[in-house]
Amino acid sequence: MLVRRLAIAGLLAAASVPAVPLPALAHGAPMTPISRSAACAGNGVQRAAAACKAALKATGGFLGAYDNVRLAGVNGDDRQRVPDGKLCSAGIDTYRGLDLARDDFPATEVRSGQRLSVSYRGTIPHQGSFRIYLTRPGYSPEKKLAWDDLGAQPLAEVKDPPLRDSAYRMRVKLPERTGRHVLYVVWETSSTPDTYYSCSDLVFPAAAKTPAARPAKTRKATPTAAAPASEAPATPGTAAPATPEPSSAAPVLAAAEKAAGAAEDSTITFGHFLIVGALATAALVAAGTGVARLRRREKS
């Protein structure tokens, strides 16, 4: 009887204690493509990576559970609640190492135009919406992620996807990108007050390098001497003779000098001829006169 009375008393006491709500079990994080928390956090799967070690060091040697990067009561005001530079940690201090500006966090190789499969692990089913963002062209991992890097609108929004094999599975088409980018996933649950945040690093193929057009080689022209008017012009690109052509005036001058010399010689010869002729004429006249005198004498 005593035992029965004690049991009844215990049940009555338990019934008088107010019920305490249990914490929500809507934890989750992307496993494909691998998120920074799933890779580096306390129970992450790639904690040996250099970036994960740096993230652990940045938080004083402790990172929280991979599926617990969440804030309560956000109600869609993500940009007001999560500050720039702290998007990967959601501003939670125990995850601040996930915000490091590095280009070596574990990443997934993708390509432009691909329909990327997203596998978001969850513990129990919960209703809610997934907003999926992708960093814009020109994003640099050398700076901490900011809201402006994502643009105003999500790449896709998926409401209440089914939970299959412990994961919410979605597909999203990737736009044109090159190099390293971040897929940012916001899960706002509607059956709990919690919103979850995650960063997944993606690597697109680098932009193809177009070989620069080589400038056409210009042949350096050698200065050419002016050709005489009577000659044909030189062929383009060929060098002119090194020795300049003699002036066309030289032959004319030589001919003029020769003609002048000949004229001078002919003048001298003609002069001599006149003198000799005059002397001969005088001699003949004198001889004729002498003969005429002799004949007159003989007649007398």
Protein backbone atom coordinates (compact mmCIF):
# COMPACT_ATOMS: atom_id res chain seq x y z
CA MET A 1 0.00 0.00 0.00
CA LEU A 2 2.80 2.37 0.88
CA VAL A 3 4.49 1.85 -2.49
CA ARG A 4 1.23 2.46 -4.27
CA ARG A 5 0.63 5.68 -2.37
CA LEU A 6 4.16 6.91 -3.18
CA ALA A 7 3.68 6.15 -6.88
CA ILE A 8 0.44 8.09 -6.99
CA ALA A 9 2.07 10.98 -5.16
CA GLY A 10 4.91 10.99 -7.68
CA LEU A 11 2.54 11.12 -10.62
CA LEU A 12 0.62 13.98 -9.06
CA ALA A 13 3.84 15.90 -8.45
CA ALA A 14 4.98 15.40 -12.02
CA ALA A 15 1.64 16.58 -13.32
CA SER A 16 1.94 19.77 -11.31
CA VAL A 17 5.32 20.71 -12.95
CA PRO A 18 4.82 23.06 -15.97
CA ALA A 19 5.88 21.61 -19.31
CA VAL A 20 9.21 22.99 -20.71
CA PRO A 21 9.41 23.13 -24.52
CA LEU A 22 12.25 21.08 -25.98
CA PRO A 23 14.73 22.84 -28.29
CA ALA A 24 13.95 22.59 -32.00
CA LEU A 25 15.83 19.87 -33.82
CA ALA A 26 15.67 21.57 -37.22
CA HIS A 27 19.44 21.65 -37.58
CA GLY A 28 21.03 21.43 -41.00
CA ALA A 29 23.77 22.47 -43.44
CA PRO A 30 24.69 21.78 -47.07
CA MET A 31 26.80 18.69 -47.60
CA THR A 32 26.76 19.03 -51.42
CA PRO A 33 28.27 21.35 -52.39
CA ILE A 34 30.26 21.09 -49.18
CA SER A 35 29.72 24.09 -46.89
CA ARG A 36 32.43 25.66 -44.75
CA SER A 37 30.68 24.58 -41.58
CA ALA A 38 30.26 20.98 -42.81
CA ALA A 39 33.94 20.89 -43.73
CA CYS A 40 35.55 22.75 -40.84
CA ALA A 41 33.23 22.87 -37.81
CA GLY A 42 33.46 20.79 -34.65
CA ASN A 43 32.26 17.62 -36.39
CA GLY A 44 33.27 18.67 -39.91
CA VAL A 45 34.54 16.20 -42.50
CA GLN A 46 37.60 18.11 -43.84
CA ARG A 47 39.11 19.68 -40.76
CA ALA A 48 42.65 18.83 -41.91
CA ALA A 49 42.43 21.45 -44.70
CA ALA A 50 44.67 24.49 -44.18
CA ALA A 51 41.71 26.90 -44.27
CA CYS A 52 39.85 24.81 -41.70
CA LYS A 53 42.86 24.88 -39.38
CA ALA A 54 43.04 28.65 -39.79
CA ALA A 55 39.30 28.94 -39.06
CA LEU A 56 39.71 26.85 -35.90
CA LYS A 57 42.65 28.99 -34.78
CA ALA A 58 40.68 32.20 -35.42
CA THR A 59 37.96 31.05 -32.98
CA GLY A 60 40.39 30.18 -30.20
CA GLY A 61 40.51 26.47 -31.01
CA PHE A 62 36.76 25.86 -30.94
CA LEU A 63 34.10 25.78 -33.68
CA GLY A 64 30.48 24.91 -32.96
CA ALA A 65 28.59 22.00 -34.51
CA TYR A 66 28.42 22.07 -38.31
CA ASP A 67 24.59 22.13 -38.45
CA ASN A 68 23.92 24.84 -35.90
CA VAL A 69 24.77 28.16 -37.64
CA ARG A 70 21.36 29.67 -36.88
CA LEU A 71 19.64 32.77 -35.55
CA ALA A 72 16.18 32.98 -33.99
CA GLY A 73 13.49 35.50 -34.82
CA VAL A 74 15.02 36.89 -37.99
CA ASN A 75 11.69 36.85 -39.87
CA GLY A 76 13.30 37.48 -43.27
CA ASP A 77 15.35 40.51 -42.18
CA ASP A 78 18.62 38.78 -43.00
CA ARG A 79 20.49 41.90 -44.14
CA GLN A 80 19.60 43.74 -40.95
CA ARG A 81 20.53 40.87 -38.63
CA VAL A 82 23.65 39.53 -40.36
CA PRO A 83 26.38 42.16 -40.85
CA ASP A 84 28.67 42.42 -43.90
CA GLY A 85 31.84 40.39 -43.50
CA LYS A 86 30.06 37.91 -41.20
CA LEU A 87 27.67 36.18 -43.58
CA CYS A 88 29.26 32.72 -43.25
CA SER A 89 29.13 32.79 -39.45
CA ALA A 90 25.76 34.61 -39.32
CA GLY A 91 27.53 36.95 -36.89
CA ILE A 92 27.84 34.16 -34.29
CA ASP A 93 31.16 34.50 -32.50
CA THR A 94 31.88 30.77 -32.17
CA TYR A 95 31.81 30.48 -35.99
CA ARG A 96 33.79 33.64 -36.86
CA GLY A 97 36.61 31.58 -38.37
CA LEU A 98 34.29 30.68 -41.27
CA ASP A 99 34.36 34.34 -42.37
CA LEU A 100 38.09 34.37 -43.15
CA ALA A 101 38.99 35.86 -46.54
CA ARG A 102 40.76 32.86 -48.09
CA ASP A 103 40.77 31.09 -51.44
CA ASP A 104 41.55 27.61 -50.11
CA PHE A 105 38.42 26.55 -48.23
CA PRO A 106 37.29 23.08 -49.40
CA ALA A 107 35.41 23.71 -52.65
CA THR A 108 33.30 21.99 -55.31
CA GLU A 109 34.21 22.20 -58.99
CA VAL A 110 31.28 23.33 -61.16
CA ARG A 111 30.65 24.89 -64.58
CA SER A 112 28.46 27.62 -66.02
CA GLY A 113 25.00 26.44 -67.11
CA GLN A 114 25.15 23.36 -64.85
CA ARG A 115 22.06 22.29 -62.93
CA LEU A 116 23.76 21.97 -59.57
CA SER A 117 22.41 19.41 -57.09
CA VAL A 118 22.12 20.79 -53.56
CA SER A 119 21.90 18.27 -50.73
CA TYR A 120 21.04 20.02 -47.45
CA ARG A 121 21.25 17.64 -44.53
CA GLY A 122 18.50 17.96 -41.88
CA THR A 123 17.74 15.99 -38.74
CA ILE A 124 13.92 15.97 -38.84
CA PRO A 125 11.40 17.31 -41.38
CA HIS A 126 10.45 20.98 -41.08
CA GLN A 127 8.67 23.30 -43.37
CA GLY A 128 10.42 26.39 -44.67
CA SER A 129 11.99 28.15 -47.63
CA PHE A 130 15.51 27.96 -49.03
CA ARG A 131 16.93 31.12 -50.61
CA ILE A 132 20.01 30.37 -52.70
CA TYR A 133 22.40 33.14 -53.74
CA LEU A 134 25.56 33.14 -55.86
CA THR A 135 28.27 35.77 -55.75
CA ARG A 136 28.25 38.18 -58.68
CA PRO A 137 30.87 38.36 -61.46
CA GLY A 138 34.02 40.03 -60.20
CA TYR A 139 33.74 38.57 -56.68
CA SER A 140 37.11 38.21 -54.98
CA PRO A 141 37.75 35.72 -52.13
CA GLU A 142 40.45 38.10 -50.90
CA LYS A 143 37.68 40.10 -49.17
CA LYS A 144 35.14 38.92 -46.64
CA LEU A 145 31.72 38.17 -48.08
CA ALA A 146 29.24 41.08 -48.05
CA TRP A 147 25.59 41.33 -49.07
CA ASP A 148 26.49 43.46 -52.10
CA ASP A 149 28.53 40.52 -53.41
CA LEU A 150 25.29 38.52 -53.72
CA GLY A 151 22.99 40.99 -55.43
CA ALA A 152 19.48 41.95 -54.44
CA GLN A 153 17.65 38.80 -55.54
CA PRO A 154 18.40 35.12 -54.85
CA LEU A 155 19.40 32.87 -57.70
CA ALA A 156 16.55 30.54 -56.70
CA GLU A 157 13.99 30.06 -53.94
CA VAL A 158 12.64 26.63 -53.03
CA LYS A 159 9.72 26.26 -50.62
CA ASP A 160 9.10 23.14 -48.55
CA PRO A 161 11.25 20.61 -50.45
CA PRO A 162 10.74 17.00 -49.27
CA LEU A 163 13.26 15.38 -46.93
CA ARG A 164 14.70 12.26 -48.62
CA ASP A 165 17.46 10.13 -47.10
CA SER A 166 17.99 12.70 -44.32
CA ALA A 167 18.53 15.58 -46.78
CA TYR A 168 16.58 18.28 -48.55
CA ARG A 169 17.43 17.94 -52.22
CA MET A 170 17.18 20.76 -54.74
CA ARG A 171 18.60 21.78 -58.11
CA VAL A 172 19.67 25.22 -59.23
CA LYS A 173 20.99 26.34 -62.61
CA LEU A 174 24.30 28.15 -62.39
CA PRO A 175 24.79 31.30 -64.49
CA GLU A 176 27.97 32.29 -66.34
CA ARG A 177 30.90 32.66 -63.96
CA THR A 178 34.66 32.11 -63.91
CA GLY A 179 37.02 31.43 -61.05
CA ARG A 180 36.11 31.13 -57.37
CA HIS A 181 32.63 31.97 -56.03
CA VAL A 182 30.39 31.34 -53.02
CA LEU A 183 26.94 29.71 -52.96
CA TYR A 184 25.13 31.29 -50.02
CA VAL A 185 22.12 29.38 -48.67
CA VAL A 186 19.55 30.83 -46.26
CA TRP A 187 17.05 28.38 -44.77
CA GLU A 188 14.17 30.15 -43.08
CA THR A 189 12.04 27.58 -41.30
CA SER A 190 8.35 28.24 -40.89
CA SER A 191 7.70 25.59 -38.23
CA THR A 192 10.37 27.03 -35.89
CA PRO A 193 11.65 30.61 -35.29
CA ASP A 194 15.10 29.71 -36.64
CA THR A 195 16.94 30.73 -39.81
CA TYR A 196 20.14 28.94 -40.89
CA TYR A 197 23.05 30.34 -42.92
CA SER A 198 25.85 28.67 -44.86
CA CYS A 199 28.66 29.33 -47.35
CA SER A 200 29.67 26.73 -49.95
CA ASP A 201 32.77 27.48 -52.03
CA LEU A 202 32.55 26.80 -55.78
CA VAL A 203 35.27 26.80 -58.44
CA PHE A 204 34.31 27.57 -62.04
CA PRO A 205 36.81 27.07 -64.90
CA ALA A 206 39.08 30.05 -65.39
CA ALA A 207 38.40 32.34 -68.32
CA ALA A 208 40.05 31.19 -71.54
CA LYS A 209 42.99 33.38 -72.44
CA THR A 210 42.70 34.80 -75.94
CA PRO A 211 46.16 35.20 -77.47
CA ALA A 212 46.90 38.83 -78.14
CA ALA A 213 47.11 39.73 -81.82
CA ARG A 214 50.70 40.32 -82.84
CA PRO A 215 51.25 43.70 -84.49
CA ALA A 216 52.24 43.49 -88.17
CA LYS A 217 55.97 43.85 -88.62
CA THR A 218 56.78 47.11 -90.41
CA ARG A 219 59.86 47.05 -92.56
CA LYS A 220 62.11 49.94 -91.67
CA ALA A 221 62.60 51.98 -94.85
CA THR A 222 66.20 52.96 -95.70
CA PRO A 223 66.51 56.63 -96.76
CA THR A 224 66.84 56.75 -100.56
CA ALA A 225 68.57 59.33 -102.76
CA ALA A 226 66.42 61.20 -105.24
CA ALA A 227 66.42 59.40 -108.56
CA PRO A 228 67.05 61.32 -111.81
CA ALA A 229 63.86 62.33 -113.60
CA SER A 230 64.68 60.04 -116.50
CA GLU A 231 64.97 56.96 -114.28
CA ALA A 232 62.13 54.75 -113.01
CA PRO A 233 61.35 55.12 -109.24
CA ALA A 234 62.89 52.55 -106.88
CA THR A 235 60.80 49.51 -105.91
CA PRO A 236 59.18 50.06 -102.43
CA GLY A 237 61.12 48.38 -99.61
CA THR A 238 64.43 48.22 -101.55
CA ALA A 239 67.37 50.32 -100.58
CA ALA A 240 68.65 53.00 -102.98
CA PRO A 241 72.30 52.86 -104.19
CA ALA A 242 74.70 54.05 -101.56
CA THR A 243 76.64 56.30 -104.05
CA PRO A 244 74.62 59.29 -105.27
CA GLU A 245 74.13 59.62 -109.02
CA PRO A 246 76.23 62.35 -110.75
CA SER A 247 74.42 65.56 -111.59
CA SER A 248 72.94 65.78 -115.08
CA ALA A 249 74.53 69.25 -115.44
CA ALA A 250 78.07 67.82 -115.46
CA PRO A 251 77.97 66.40 -119.03
CA VAL A 252 76.47 69.65 -120.29
CA LEU A 253 79.22 71.67 -118.69
CA ALA A 254 81.88 69.34 -120.08
CA ALA A 255 80.38 69.60 -123.57
CA ALA A 256 80.21 73.38 -123.29
CA GLU A 257 83.85 73.60 -122.19
CA LYS A 258 84.91 71.34 -125.08
CA ALA A 259 82.93 73.37 -127.58
CA ALA A 260 84.44 76.58 -126.26
CA GLY A 261 87.93 75.12 -126.56
CA ALA A 262 87.27 73.99 -130.13
CA ALA A 263 85.89 77.40 -131.00
CA GLU A 264 88.96 79.06 -129.55
CA ASP A 265 91.28 76.77 -131.53
CA SER A 266 89.35 77.41 -134.75
CA THR A 267 89.51 81.19 -134.21
CA ILE A 268 93.28 81.07 -133.79
CA THR A 269 93.73 78.92 -136.92
CA PHE A 270 91.52 81.18 -139.02
CA GLY A 271 93.44 84.24 -137.85
CA HIS A 272 96.70 82.67 -138.86
CA PHE A 273 95.22 81.81 -142.25
CA LEU A 274 94.20 85.45 -142.84
CA ILE A 275 97.64 86.75 -141.93
CA VAL A 276 99.41 84.22 -144.12
CA GLY A 277 97.00 84.93 -146.98
CA ALA A 278 97.58 88.66 -146.68
CA LEU A 279 101.34 88.24 -146.73
CA ALA A 280 101.15 85.92 -149.73
CA THR A 281 98.95 88.38 -151.59
CA ALA A 282 101.32 91.22 -150.82
CA ALA A 283 104.25 89.15 -152.03
CA LEU A 284 102.49 88.35 -155.30
CA VAL A 285 101.57 91.97 -155.82
CA ALA A 286 105.15 93.00 -155.18
CA ALA A 287 106.48 90.33 -157.54
CA GLY A 288 104.03 91.40 -160.25
CA THR A 289 105.10 95.00 -159.92
CA GLY A 290 108.75 94.03 -160.23
CA VAL A 291 108.15 92.01 -163.40
CA ALA A 292 106.17 94.86 -164.93
CA ARG A 293 109.07 97.28 -164.34
CA LEU A 294 111.57 94.92 -165.87
CA ARG A 295 109.49 94.60 -169.05
CA ARG A 296 109.17 98.33 -169.40
CA ARG A 297 112.89 98.66 -169.10
CA GLU A 298 113.48 96.09 -171.75
CA LYS A 299 111.14 97.86 -174.13
CA SER A 300 112.88 101.10 -173.60
